[in-house]
């Protein structure tokens, strides 16, 4: 049986949406769902857990996520937001 965990994506100043995540689901799918919900291109965002960058090919199980908070930031190049 695949367990489901709750994740919260935090991107100030927006209220955080919550997601239920299967441990076998790739983070890429959840990141895209977040971006779609916010009407933002996923390629302009960075996702990190405990301030470590998330690799989209990893799964929630590989990252050992259990009701964790995923921080979302806008990517920046040279101090300017993309």
C-alpha atoms as a PDB file:
ATOM      1  CA  UNK A   1       0.000   0.000   0.000  1.00  0.00           C
ATOM      2  CA  UNK A   2       1.302   3.448  -0.956  1.00  0.00           C
ATOM      3  CA  UNK A   3       1.088   5.929   1.867  1.00  0.00           C
ATOM      4  CA  UNK A   4       0.005   9.506   1.255  1.00  0.00           C
ATOM      5  CA  UNK A   5       1.587  12.468   3.025  1.00  0.00           C
ATOM      6  CA  UNK A   6       0.602  16.104   3.285  1.00  0.00           C
ATOM      7  CA  UNK A   7       2.980  18.753   1.977  1.00  0.00           C
ATOM      8  CA  UNK A   8       2.705  22.503   2.273  1.00  0.00           C
ATOM      9  CA  UNK A   9       4.292  24.754  -0.322  1.00  0.00           C
ATOM     10  CA  UNK A  10       5.345  28.109   1.118  1.00  0.00           C
ATOM     11  CA  UNK A  11       5.874  31.064  -1.223  1.00  0.00           C
ATOM     12  CA  UNK A  12       5.530  34.390   0.595  1.00  0.00           C
ATOM     13  CA  UNK A  13       3.412  36.516   0.378  1.00  0.00           C
ATOM     14  CA  UNK A  14       0.897  34.008  -1.001  1.00  0.00           C
ATOM     15  CA  UNK A  15      -1.114  31.729   1.291  1.00  0.00           C
ATOM     16  CA  UNK A  16       0.352  28.203   1.169  1.00  0.00           C
ATOM     17  CA  UNK A  17      -1.586  25.568  -0.759  1.00  0.00           C
ATOM     18  CA  UNK A  18      -1.539  22.071   0.668  1.00  0.00           C
ATOM     19  CA  UNK A  19      -0.973  18.919  -1.359  1.00  0.00           C
ATOM     20  CA  UNK A  20      -1.344  15.245  -0.669  1.00  0.00           C
ATOM     21  CA  UNK A  21       1.629  13.388  -2.069  1.00  0.00           C
ATOM     22  CA  UNK A  22       2.144   9.685  -2.671  1.00  0.00           C
ATOM     23  CA  UNK A  23       5.612   8.535  -1.711  1.00  0.00           C
ATOM     24  CA  UNK A  24       6.097   7.117  -5.235  1.00  0.00           C
ATOM     25  CA  UNK A  25       5.162  10.347  -7.048  1.00  0.00           C
ATOM     26  CA  UNK A  26       7.998  12.365  -8.563  1.00  0.00           C
ATOM     27  CA  UNK A  27       8.398  15.855  -7.148  1.00  0.00           C
ATOM     28  CA  UNK A  28       8.187  17.197 -10.706  1.00  0.00           C
ATOM     29  CA  UNK A  29       4.465  16.351 -10.823  1.00  0.00           C
ATOM     30  CA  UNK A  30       3.759  18.184  -7.568  1.00  0.00           C
ATOM     31  CA  UNK A  31       5.870  21.177  -8.591  1.00  0.00           C
ATOM     32  CA  UNK A  32       3.941  21.477 -11.843  1.00  0.00           C
ATOM     33  CA  UNK A  33       0.619  21.229  -9.953  1.00  0.00           C
ATOM     34  CA  UNK A  34       1.736  24.046  -7.648  1.00  0.00           C
ATOM     35  CA  UNK A  35       2.810  26.256 -10.564  1.00  0.00           C
ATOM     36  CA  UNK A  36      -0.436  25.563 -12.442  1.00  0.00           C
ATOM     37  CA  UNK A  37      -2.475  26.425  -9.338  1.00  0.00           C
ATOM     38  CA  UNK A  38      -0.599  29.748  -9.037  1.00  0.00           C
ATOM     39  CA  UNK A  39      -0.640  30.334 -12.827  1.00  0.00           C
ATOM     40  CA  UNK A  40       3.179  30.558 -12.892  1.00  0.00           C
ATOM     41  CA  UNK A  41       5.646  28.868 -15.251  1.00  0.00           C
ATOM     42  CA  UNK A  42       7.326  26.087 -13.239  1.00  0.00           C
ATOM     43  CA  UNK A  43      10.682  26.858 -14.886  1.00  0.00           C
ATOM     44  CA  UNK A  44      10.773  30.215 -13.052  1.00  0.00           C
ATOM     45  CA  UNK A  45      10.539  28.573  -9.607  1.00  0.00           C
ATOM     46  CA  UNK A  46      12.976  26.818  -7.252  1.00  0.00           C
ATOM     47  CA  UNK A  47      11.743  24.266  -4.732  1.00  0.00           C
ATOM     48  CA  UNK A  48      13.713  23.359  -1.623  1.00  0.00           C
ATOM     49  CA  UNK A  49      13.277  21.360   1.550  1.00  0.00           C
ATOM     50  CA  UNK A  50      15.272  22.388   4.603  1.00  0.00           C
ATOM     51  CA  UNK A  51      17.075  24.810   2.249  1.00  0.00           C
ATOM     52  CA  UNK A  52      18.351  22.023  -0.014  1.00  0.00           C
ATOM     53  CA  UNK A  53      17.365  22.236  -3.666  1.00  0.00           C
ATOM     54  CA  UNK A  54      14.843  19.585  -4.728  1.00  0.00           C
ATOM     55  CA  UNK A  55      15.696  17.452  -7.781  1.00  0.00           C
ATOM     56  CA  UNK A  56      12.506  16.983  -9.819  1.00  0.00           C
ATOM     57  CA  UNK A  57      13.278  13.344 -10.631  1.00  0.00           C
ATOM     58  CA  UNK A  58      13.245  12.370  -6.950  1.00  0.00           C
ATOM     59  CA  UNK A  59      10.151  10.986  -5.274  1.00  0.00           C
ATOM     60  CA  UNK A  60       8.667  11.960  -1.923  1.00  0.00           C
ATOM     61  CA  UNK A  61       9.849   8.599  -0.588  1.00  0.00           C
ATOM     62  CA  UNK A  62      13.429   9.187  -1.726  1.00  0.00           C
ATOM     63  CA  UNK A  63      13.376  12.587  -0.006  1.00  0.00           C
ATOM     64  CA  UNK A  64      11.826  11.002   3.101  1.00  0.00           C
ATOM     65  CA  UNK A  65       9.027  13.576   3.146  1.00  0.00           C
ATOM     66  CA  UNK A  66       6.506  13.258   5.923  1.00  0.00           C
ATOM     67  CA  UNK A  67       4.191  16.265   6.353  1.00  0.00           C
ATOM     68  CA  UNK A  68       7.049  18.569   5.421  1.00  0.00           C
ATOM     69  CA  UNK A  69       7.130  22.126   4.170  1.00  0.00           C
ATOM     70  CA  UNK A  70       8.496  22.786   0.690  1.00  0.00           C
ATOM     71  CA  UNK A  71       9.823  26.318   0.224  1.00  0.00           C
ATOM     72  CA  UNK A  72       9.204  27.916  -3.161  1.00  0.00           C
ATOM     73  CA  UNK A  73      11.303  30.780  -4.489  1.00  0.00           C
ATOM     74  CA  UNK A  74      11.457  32.679  -7.752  1.00  0.00           C
ATOM     75  CA  UNK A  75      14.654  31.887  -9.685  1.00  0.00           C
ATOM     76  CA  UNK A  76      17.017  34.827  -9.989  1.00  0.00           C
ATOM     77  CA  UNK A  77      19.944  35.480 -12.271  1.00  0.00           C
ATOM     78  CA  UNK A  78      22.259  38.354 -11.419  1.00  0.00           C
ATOM     79  CA  UNK A  79      19.837  39.715  -8.805  1.00  0.00           C
ATOM     80  CA  UNK A  80      16.914  39.989 -11.233  1.00  0.00           C
ATOM     81  CA  UNK A  81      13.838  37.773 -11.115  1.00  0.00           C
ATOM     82  CA  UNK A  82      13.358  35.685 -14.253  1.00  0.00           C
END
